[in-house]
Amino acid sequence: WPFKNNDWVQSVFPSKATQDVWKTYLALCFIEAHKTAQKKVPEFLTTVEGEEVAETERFSEKAIETVKEESESEVKIAQEFLDELVGADGQAVKRIRIRMVAAQLLHSQSQKVNKYVKHGILDDKGASILLHEVHHQNRKLADANYFDNPNRQGAH
């Protein structure tokens, strides 16, 4: 199709590959969010601001276990959806995970640059140069295709 490499057309009428990338990304985010919540939520249900609360103010162990089981069930469904979506292409999930980590690293770099400006370590001009490069890398990352050909640059 002559418009498959046009970014605007792909954003309005995304290809199946692009939709699969989005679905995979969302499923991975969903799974990671639930796994994090499974670790953190019990602490919030039994303490207030890091201190133990009275027994009468706590959620019951049964309620906490029910929430955990429901979350595990949702993760299982999401994992099955993900497995079905990517099929035999296990590398697709790996590439998207790498993309997610790269995006987190770039976001962290932006935050550090802003922190250095706030503390007077970096002036505005230095920050602008660094942030320009971080934003450039973000655009390159956003343009990468992680299903059909991971080495191809441009629209999905």
N, C-alpha and C. Protein backbone atom coordinates (compact mmCIF):
# COMPACT_ATOMS: atom_id res chain seq x y z
N TRP A 1 0.84 -1.17 0.00
CA TRP A 1 0.00 0.00 0.00
C TRP A 1 0.89 1.23 0.00
N PRO A 2 0.59 2.24 -0.83
CA PRO A 2 1.51 3.38 -0.98
C PRO A 2 1.61 4.25 0.27
N PHE A 3 0.64 4.19 1.18
CA PHE A 3 0.66 5.07 2.36
C PHE A 3 1.20 4.39 3.61
N LYS A 4 1.71 3.17 3.48
CA LYS A 4 2.11 2.42 4.68
C LYS A 4 3.27 3.07 5.41
N ASN A 5 4.07 3.90 4.72
CA ASN A 5 5.20 4.54 5.38
C ASN A 5 4.93 5.99 5.75
N ASN A 6 3.69 6.45 5.59
CA ASN A 6 3.32 7.80 5.95
C ASN A 6 2.87 7.81 7.41
N ASP A 7 3.60 8.56 8.25
CA ASP A 7 3.32 8.57 9.69
C ASP A 7 1.90 9.03 10.02
N TRP A 8 1.44 10.10 9.36
CA TRP A 8 0.12 10.61 9.67
C TRP A 8 -0.96 9.59 9.33
N VAL A 9 -0.88 8.99 8.15
CA VAL A 9 -1.87 8.00 7.73
C VAL A 9 -1.85 6.81 8.69
N GLN A 10 -0.65 6.38 9.10
CA GLN A 10 -0.54 5.26 10.03
C GLN A 10 -1.13 5.60 11.40
N SER A 11 -1.02 6.87 11.81
CA SER A 11 -1.59 7.24 13.11
C SER A 11 -3.11 7.28 13.07
N VAL A 12 -3.67 7.63 11.91
CA VAL A 12 -5.13 7.70 11.76
C VAL A 12 -5.70 6.32 11.44
N PHE A 13 -5.01 5.59 10.58
CA PHE A 13 -5.43 4.25 10.16
C PHE A 13 -4.29 3.27 10.44
N PRO A 14 -4.10 2.93 11.70
CA PRO A 14 -2.94 2.08 12.03
C PRO A 14 -3.05 0.69 11.43
N SER A 15 -1.91 0.18 11.02
CA SER A 15 -1.85 -1.17 10.47
C SER A 15 -2.09 -2.19 11.59
N LYS A 16 -2.30 -3.42 11.22
CA LYS A 16 -2.47 -4.48 12.22
C LYS A 16 -1.22 -4.59 13.08
N ALA A 17 -0.05 -4.46 12.46
CA ALA A 17 1.20 -4.54 13.22
C ALA A 17 1.27 -3.43 14.27
N THR A 18 0.87 -2.22 13.90
CA THR A 18 0.87 -1.11 14.85
C THR A 18 -0.12 -1.38 15.98
N GLN A 19 -1.30 -1.84 15.63
CA GLN A 19 -2.30 -2.16 16.65
C GLN A 19 -1.78 -3.25 17.59
N ASP A 20 -1.09 -4.23 17.03
CA ASP A 20 -0.53 -5.30 17.85
C ASP A 20 0.54 -4.78 18.81
N VAL A 21 1.34 -3.82 18.34
CA VAL A 21 2.33 -3.20 19.23
C VAL A 21 1.62 -2.50 20.38
N TRP A 22 0.59 -1.72 20.06
CA TRP A 22 -0.17 -1.01 21.09
C TRP A 22 -0.79 -1.99 22.08
N LYS A 23 -1.41 -3.04 21.58
CA LYS A 23 -2.06 -4.02 22.46
C LYS A 23 -1.03 -4.72 23.34
N THR A 24 0.10 -5.06 22.76
CA THR A 24 1.15 -5.72 23.53
C THR A 24 1.67 -4.80 24.62
N TYR A 25 1.92 -3.56 24.25
CA TYR A 25 2.39 -2.57 25.22
C TYR A 25 1.39 -2.42 26.37
N LEU A 26 0.12 -2.29 26.04
CA LEU A 26 -0.90 -2.13 27.08
C LEU A 26 -1.02 -3.36 27.96
N ALA A 27 -0.95 -4.55 27.36
CA ALA A 27 -1.02 -5.78 28.14
C ALA A 27 0.18 -5.88 29.09
N LEU A 28 1.35 -5.54 28.60
CA LEU A 28 2.54 -5.58 29.46
C LEU A 28 2.43 -4.58 30.60
N CYS A 29 1.94 -3.37 30.31
CA CYS A 29 1.74 -2.36 31.36
C CYS A 29 0.74 -2.85 32.39
N PHE A 30 -0.35 -3.45 31.92
CA PHE A 30 -1.39 -3.97 32.80
C PHE A 30 -0.80 -5.04 33.73
N ILE A 31 -0.05 -5.97 33.16
CA ILE A 31 0.54 -7.06 33.94
C ILE A 31 1.52 -6.51 34.97
N GLU A 32 2.39 -5.59 34.54
CA GLU A 32 3.37 -5.02 35.47
C GLU A 32 2.70 -4.22 36.58
N ALA A 33 1.65 -3.49 36.24
CA ALA A 33 0.93 -2.71 37.25
C ALA A 33 0.32 -3.63 38.30
N HIS A 34 -0.28 -4.73 37.84
CA HIS A 34 -0.88 -5.67 38.79
C HIS A 34 0.18 -6.33 39.66
N LYS A 35 1.31 -6.70 39.08
CA LYS A 35 2.37 -7.34 39.88
C LYS A 35 2.91 -6.39 40.93
N THR A 36 3.06 -5.13 40.56
CA THR A 36 3.52 -4.12 41.52
C THR A 36 2.47 -3.93 42.62
N ALA A 37 1.22 -3.83 42.22
CA ALA A 37 0.14 -3.66 43.20
C ALA A 37 0.05 -4.85 44.14
N GLN A 38 0.26 -6.06 43.61
CA GLN A 38 0.21 -7.26 44.46
C GLN A 38 1.26 -7.19 45.57
N LYS A 39 2.38 -6.55 45.29
CA LYS A 39 3.43 -6.41 46.30
C LYS A 39 3.16 -5.27 47.27
N LYS A 40 2.64 -4.15 46.74
CA LYS A 40 2.51 -2.93 47.54
C LYS A 40 1.18 -2.79 48.29
N VAL A 41 0.08 -3.24 47.70
CA VAL A 41 -1.23 -3.00 48.29
C VAL A 41 -1.39 -3.62 49.68
N PRO A 42 -0.96 -4.86 49.91
CA PRO A 42 -1.12 -5.41 51.27
C PRO A 42 -0.51 -4.52 52.36
N GLU A 43 0.60 -3.89 52.06
CA GLU A 43 1.23 -2.99 53.02
C GLU A 43 0.31 -1.81 53.35
N PHE A 44 -0.37 -1.26 52.34
CA PHE A 44 -1.25 -0.13 52.56
C PHE A 44 -2.53 -0.54 53.30
N LEU A 45 -2.90 -1.80 53.19
CA LEU A 45 -4.11 -2.26 53.86
C LEU A 45 -3.88 -2.61 55.32
N THR A 46 -2.61 -2.69 55.73
CA THR A 46 -2.31 -3.06 57.12
C THR A 46 -1.55 -1.98 57.87
N THR A 47 -1.13 -0.90 57.19
CA THR A 47 -0.39 0.17 57.86
C THR A 47 -0.92 1.52 57.41
N VAL A 48 -0.62 2.54 58.20
CA VAL A 48 -0.94 3.92 57.84
C VAL A 48 0.37 4.71 57.95
N GLU A 49 0.80 5.29 56.83
CA GLU A 49 2.04 6.07 56.79
C GLU A 49 3.21 5.30 57.40
N GLY A 50 3.31 4.02 57.06
CA GLY A 50 4.44 3.21 57.48
C GLY A 50 4.36 2.66 58.89
N GLU A 51 3.30 2.99 59.63
CA GLU A 51 3.17 2.51 61.01
C GLU A 51 2.03 1.50 61.09
N GLU A 52 2.22 0.49 61.93
CA GLU A 52 1.17 -0.50 62.13
C GLU A 52 -0.08 0.20 62.68
N VAL A 53 -1.23 -0.27 62.28
CA VAL A 53 -2.49 0.29 62.79
C VAL A 53 -3.14 -0.74 63.71
N ALA A 54 -4.11 -0.26 64.46
CA ALA A 54 -4.81 -1.14 65.38
C ALA A 54 -5.48 -2.27 64.61
N GLU A 55 -5.59 -3.42 65.23
CA GLU A 55 -6.18 -4.61 64.61
C GLU A 55 -7.58 -4.32 64.05
N THR A 56 -8.33 -3.49 64.74
CA THR A 56 -9.70 -3.20 64.30
C THR A 56 -9.74 -2.32 63.05
N GLU A 57 -8.65 -1.61 62.74
CA GLU A 57 -8.62 -0.72 61.59
C GLU A 57 -8.05 -1.40 60.34
N ARG A 58 -7.54 -2.58 60.50
CA ARG A 58 -6.94 -3.30 59.37
C ARG A 58 -8.00 -4.02 58.56
N PHE A 59 -7.68 -4.23 57.29
CA PHE A 59 -8.51 -5.11 56.48
C PHE A 59 -8.20 -6.54 56.90
N SER A 60 -9.16 -7.39 56.80
CA SER A 60 -8.93 -8.78 57.20
C SER A 60 -7.98 -9.46 56.22
N GLU A 61 -7.29 -10.47 56.71
CA GLU A 61 -6.39 -11.24 55.85
C GLU A 61 -7.18 -11.86 54.69
N LYS A 62 -8.42 -12.25 54.96
CA LYS A 62 -9.26 -12.84 53.91
C LYS A 62 -9.53 -11.83 52.80
N ALA A 63 -9.82 -10.58 53.18
CA ALA A 63 -10.07 -9.53 52.18
C ALA A 63 -8.81 -9.26 51.36
N ILE A 64 -7.68 -9.21 52.02
CA ILE A 64 -6.42 -8.98 51.33
C ILE A 64 -6.13 -10.13 50.36
N GLU A 65 -6.37 -11.35 50.81
CA GLU A 65 -6.13 -12.52 49.96
C GLU A 65 -7.10 -12.53 48.77
N THR A 66 -8.34 -12.12 48.98
CA THR A 66 -9.32 -12.05 47.90
C THR A 66 -8.87 -11.06 46.83
N VAL A 67 -8.41 -9.89 47.26
CA VAL A 67 -7.92 -8.88 46.33
C VAL A 67 -6.73 -9.44 45.54
N LYS A 68 -5.83 -10.12 46.22
CA LYS A 68 -4.65 -10.70 45.56
C LYS A 68 -5.07 -11.75 44.54
N GLU A 69 -6.00 -12.61 44.90
CA GLU A 69 -6.46 -13.66 43.98
C GLU A 69 -7.13 -13.06 42.75
N GLU A 70 -7.94 -12.02 42.95
CA GLU A 70 -8.58 -11.37 41.81
C GLU A 70 -7.54 -10.74 40.89
N SER A 71 -6.54 -10.13 41.47
CA SER A 71 -5.48 -9.53 40.68
C SER A 71 -4.71 -10.60 39.91
N GLU A 72 -4.39 -11.71 40.56
CA GLU A 72 -3.68 -12.80 39.89
C GLU A 72 -4.51 -13.36 38.74
N SER A 73 -5.82 -13.44 38.93
CA SER A 73 -6.70 -13.91 37.87
C SER A 73 -6.67 -12.96 36.68
N GLU A 74 -6.69 -11.66 36.95
CA GLU A 74 -6.63 -10.67 35.87
C GLU A 74 -5.30 -10.76 35.12
N VAL A 75 -4.21 -10.98 35.86
CA VAL A 75 -2.90 -11.11 35.23
C VAL A 75 -2.86 -12.34 34.33
N LYS A 76 -3.46 -13.43 34.81
CA LYS A 76 -3.49 -14.66 34.01
C LYS A 76 -4.24 -14.43 32.69
N ILE A 77 -5.38 -13.75 32.76
CA ILE A 77 -6.16 -13.45 31.56
C ILE A 77 -5.36 -12.57 30.62
N ALA A 78 -4.69 -11.55 31.17
CA ALA A 78 -3.88 -10.65 30.34
C ALA A 78 -2.72 -11.40 29.70
N GLN A 79 -2.11 -12.32 30.45
CA GLN A 79 -0.99 -13.09 29.90
C GLN A 79 -1.46 -14.01 28.78
N GLU A 80 -2.63 -14.60 28.94
CA GLU A 80 -3.19 -15.44 27.88
C GLU A 80 -3.49 -14.60 26.63
N PHE A 81 -4.03 -13.40 26.83
CA PHE A 81 -4.29 -12.48 25.72
C PHE A 81 -2.98 -12.15 25.01
N LEU A 82 -1.95 -11.86 25.78
CA LEU A 82 -0.65 -11.52 25.22
C LEU A 82 -0.06 -12.70 24.45
N ASP A 83 -0.14 -13.89 25.02
CA ASP A 83 0.38 -15.08 24.35
C ASP A 83 -0.34 -15.32 23.02
N GLU A 84 -1.64 -15.13 23.03
CA GLU A 84 -2.43 -15.31 21.81
C GLU A 84 -2.09 -14.23 20.78
N LEU A 85 -1.89 -13.02 21.26
CA LEU A 85 -1.61 -11.89 20.38
C LEU A 85 -0.29 -12.06 19.64
N VAL A 86 0.76 -12.42 20.36
CA VAL A 86 2.08 -12.50 19.73
C VAL A 86 2.37 -13.87 19.15
N GLY A 87 1.60 -14.87 19.55
CA GLY A 87 1.77 -16.21 19.00
C GLY A 87 3.18 -16.72 19.17
N ALA A 88 3.76 -17.16 18.08
CA ALA A 88 5.09 -17.77 18.11
C ALA A 88 6.20 -16.72 18.18
N ASP A 89 5.86 -15.44 17.98
CA ASP A 89 6.88 -14.40 17.96
C ASP A 89 7.18 -13.89 19.37
N GLY A 90 7.84 -14.71 20.16
CA GLY A 90 8.22 -14.32 21.51
C GLY A 90 9.19 -13.15 21.51
N GLN A 91 9.90 -12.97 20.41
CA GLN A 91 10.83 -11.86 20.31
C GLN A 91 10.11 -10.51 20.29
N ALA A 92 8.87 -10.49 19.83
CA ALA A 92 8.12 -9.24 19.78
C ALA A 92 7.94 -8.66 21.18
N VAL A 93 7.58 -9.52 22.13
CA VAL A 93 7.41 -9.05 23.51
C VAL A 93 8.75 -8.57 24.07
N LYS A 94 9.80 -9.30 23.76
CA LYS A 94 11.13 -8.91 24.23
C LYS A 94 11.51 -7.54 23.68
N ARG A 95 11.24 -7.30 22.39
CA ARG A 95 11.56 -6.01 21.78
C ARG A 95 10.74 -4.89 22.40
N ILE A 96 9.49 -5.17 22.69
CA ILE A 96 8.65 -4.13 23.29
C ILE A 96 9.08 -3.85 24.73
N ARG A 97 9.47 -4.89 25.46
CA ARG A 97 10.00 -4.66 26.81
C ARG A 97 11.25 -3.79 26.76
N ILE A 98 12.12 -4.05 25.80
CA ILE A 98 13.33 -3.24 25.64
C ILE A 98 12.94 -1.79 25.34
N ARG A 99 11.94 -1.63 24.49
CA ARG A 99 11.46 -0.29 24.14
C ARG A 99 10.93 0.41 25.40
N MET A 100 10.21 -0.30 26.24
CA MET A 100 9.66 0.28 27.46
C MET A 100 10.77 0.71 28.41
N VAL A 101 11.78 -0.13 28.56
CA VAL A 101 12.91 0.20 29.44
C VAL A 101 13.66 1.40 28.88
N ALA A 102 13.87 1.43 27.58
CA ALA A 102 14.55 2.57 26.96
C ALA A 102 13.77 3.87 27.21
N ALA A 103 12.46 3.81 27.08
CA ALA A 103 11.64 4.99 27.33
C ALA A 103 11.76 5.44 28.79
N GLN A 104 11.80 4.48 29.71
CA GLN A 104 11.96 4.83 31.13
C GLN A 104 13.32 5.49 31.38
N LEU A 105 14.35 4.97 30.74
CA LEU A 105 15.69 5.55 30.91
C LEU A 105 15.74 6.98 30.35
N LEU A 106 15.13 7.20 29.21
CA LEU A 106 15.10 8.54 28.63
C LEU A 106 14.31 9.51 29.52
N HIS A 107 13.21 9.04 30.06
CA HIS A 107 12.41 9.87 30.97
C HIS A 107 13.24 10.22 32.21
N SER A 108 13.96 9.24 32.73
CA SER A 108 14.80 9.46 33.89
C SER A 108 15.89 10.49 33.59
N GLN A 109 16.47 10.43 32.39
CA GLN A 109 17.49 11.40 32.01
C GLN A 109 16.90 12.81 31.97
N SER A 110 15.70 12.96 31.43
CA SER A 110 15.05 14.27 31.40
C SER A 110 14.85 14.80 32.81
N GLN A 111 14.39 13.94 33.70
CA GLN A 111 14.16 14.36 35.09
C GLN A 111 15.46 14.79 35.76
N LYS A 112 16.54 14.05 35.49
CA LYS A 112 17.82 14.42 36.09
C LYS A 112 18.31 15.77 35.57
N VAL A 113 18.18 16.01 34.28
CA VAL A 113 18.59 17.29 33.72
C VAL A 113 17.80 18.42 34.39
N ASN A 114 16.49 18.24 34.52
CA ASN A 114 15.66 19.26 35.16
C ASN A 114 16.05 19.46 36.63
N LYS A 115 16.41 18.38 37.29
CA LYS A 115 16.85 18.46 38.69
C LYS A 115 18.16 19.26 38.79
N TYR A 116 19.08 19.03 37.85
CA TYR A 116 20.35 19.75 37.86
C TYR A 116 20.15 21.23 37.60
N VAL A 117 19.18 21.57 36.76
CA VAL A 117 18.87 22.98 36.52
C VAL A 117 18.30 23.60 37.79
N LYS A 118 17.39 22.90 38.42
CA LYS A 118 16.74 23.40 39.64
C LYS A 118 17.77 23.68 40.74
N HIS A 119 18.79 22.83 40.83
CA HIS A 119 19.80 22.99 41.88
C HIS A 119 20.98 23.87 41.44
N GLY A 120 20.90 24.44 40.23
CA GLY A 120 21.92 25.36 39.77
C GLY A 120 23.19 24.69 39.25
N ILE A 121 23.16 23.40 39.09
CA ILE A 121 24.33 22.67 38.59
C ILE A 121 24.48 22.89 37.10
N LEU A 122 23.36 23.02 36.40
CA LEU A 122 23.35 23.18 34.95
C LEU A 122 22.61 24.47 34.61
N ASP A 123 23.13 25.20 33.64
CA ASP A 123 22.40 26.40 33.19
C ASP A 123 21.37 26.01 32.13
N ASP A 124 20.53 26.96 31.75
CA ASP A 124 19.46 26.68 30.79
C ASP A 124 19.99 26.23 29.43
N LYS A 125 21.09 26.83 28.99
CA LYS A 125 21.64 26.47 27.69
C LYS A 125 22.15 25.02 27.69
N GLY A 126 22.87 24.64 28.72
CA GLY A 126 23.35 23.26 28.83
C GLY A 126 22.20 22.28 28.91
N ALA A 127 21.18 22.65 29.67
CA ALA A 127 20.01 21.78 29.79
C ALA A 127 19.31 21.65 28.45
N SER A 128 19.22 22.75 27.72
CA SER A 128 18.56 22.72 26.41
C SER A 128 19.27 21.76 25.46
N ILE A 129 20.58 21.78 25.47
CA ILE A 129 21.36 20.89 24.60
C ILE A 129 21.11 19.44 24.98
N LEU A 130 21.17 19.15 26.26
CA LEU A 130 20.96 17.77 26.72
C LEU A 130 19.53 17.30 26.45
N LEU A 131 18.56 18.16 26.77
CA LEU A 131 17.16 17.77 26.57
C LEU A 131 16.83 17.61 25.08
N HIS A 132 17.47 18.40 24.24
CA HIS A 132 17.26 18.25 22.79
C HIS A 132 17.67 16.84 22.37
N GLU A 133 18.80 16.37 22.84
CA GLU A 133 19.27 15.02 22.48
C GLU A 133 18.35 13.95 23.06
N VAL A 134 17.89 14.12 24.29
CA VAL A 134 16.96 13.16 24.89
C VAL A 134 15.67 13.11 24.09
N HIS A 135 15.14 14.27 23.70
CA HIS A 135 13.91 14.31 22.90
C HIS A 135 14.12 13.68 21.52
N HIS A 136 15.29 13.89 20.95
CA HIS A 136 15.62 13.27 19.66
C HIS A 136 15.61 11.74 19.80
N GLN A 137 16.20 11.24 20.86
CA GLN A 137 16.22 9.78 21.09
C GLN A 137 14.80 9.25 21.34
N ASN A 138 13.98 10.04 22.02
CA ASN A 138 12.58 9.66 22.23
C ASN A 138 11.84 9.52 20.91
N ARG A 139 12.07 10.47 20.00
CA ARG A 139 11.42 10.40 18.69
C ARG A 139 11.90 9.17 17.91
N LYS A 140 13.17 8.88 17.95
CA LYS A 140 13.70 7.69 17.27
C LYS A 140 13.07 6.43 17.84
N LEU A 141 12.94 6.39 19.15
CA LEU A 141 12.34 5.24 19.81
C LEU A 141 10.87 5.09 19.41
N ALA A 142 10.16 6.20 19.35
CA ALA A 142 8.74 6.16 18.98
C ALA A 142 8.55 5.72 17.54
N ASP A 143 9.50 6.02 16.68
CA ASP A 143 9.38 5.68 15.27
C ASP A 143 9.77 4.23 14.96
N ALA A 144 10.40 3.57 15.91
CA ALA A 144 10.87 2.21 15.65
C ALA A 144 9.70 1.23 15.59
N ASN A 145 9.79 0.26 14.70
CA ASN A 145 8.78 -0.79 14.56
C ASN A 145 9.31 -2.05 15.23
N TYR A 146 8.53 -2.65 16.10
CA TYR A 146 9.01 -3.80 16.86
C TYR A 146 8.31 -5.11 16.52
N PHE A 147 7.56 -5.14 15.44
CA PHE A 147 6.93 -6.40 15.05
C PHE A 147 7.49 -6.91 13.74
N ASP A 148 7.26 -6.18 12.64
CA ASP A 148 7.66 -6.69 11.32
C ASP A 148 9.16 -6.76 11.16
N ASN A 149 9.83 -5.66 11.42
CA ASN A 149 11.27 -5.60 11.22
C ASN A 149 11.85 -4.65 12.26
N PRO A 150 12.48 -5.16 13.30
CA PRO A 150 12.96 -4.31 14.38
C PRO A 150 14.05 -3.34 13.97
N ASN A 151 14.67 -3.53 12.80
CA ASN A 151 15.73 -2.64 12.36
C ASN A 151 15.23 -1.49 11.50
N ARG A 152 13.98 -1.57 11.05
CA ARG A 152 13.41 -0.56 10.16
C ARG A 152 13.06 0.69 10.97
N GLN A 153 13.34 1.85 10.45
CA GLN A 153 12.97 3.11 11.06
C GLN A 153 11.76 3.66 10.32
N GLY A 154 10.92 4.39 11.02
CA GLY A 154 9.77 5.02 10.35
C GLY A 154 8.46 4.53 10.90
N ALA A 155 7.42 4.67 10.10
CA ALA A 155 6.06 4.35 10.55
C ALA A 155 5.92 2.87 10.82
N HIS A 156 4.97 2.55 11.64
CA HIS A 156 4.69 1.16 12.02
C HIS A 156 3.87 0.52 10.94
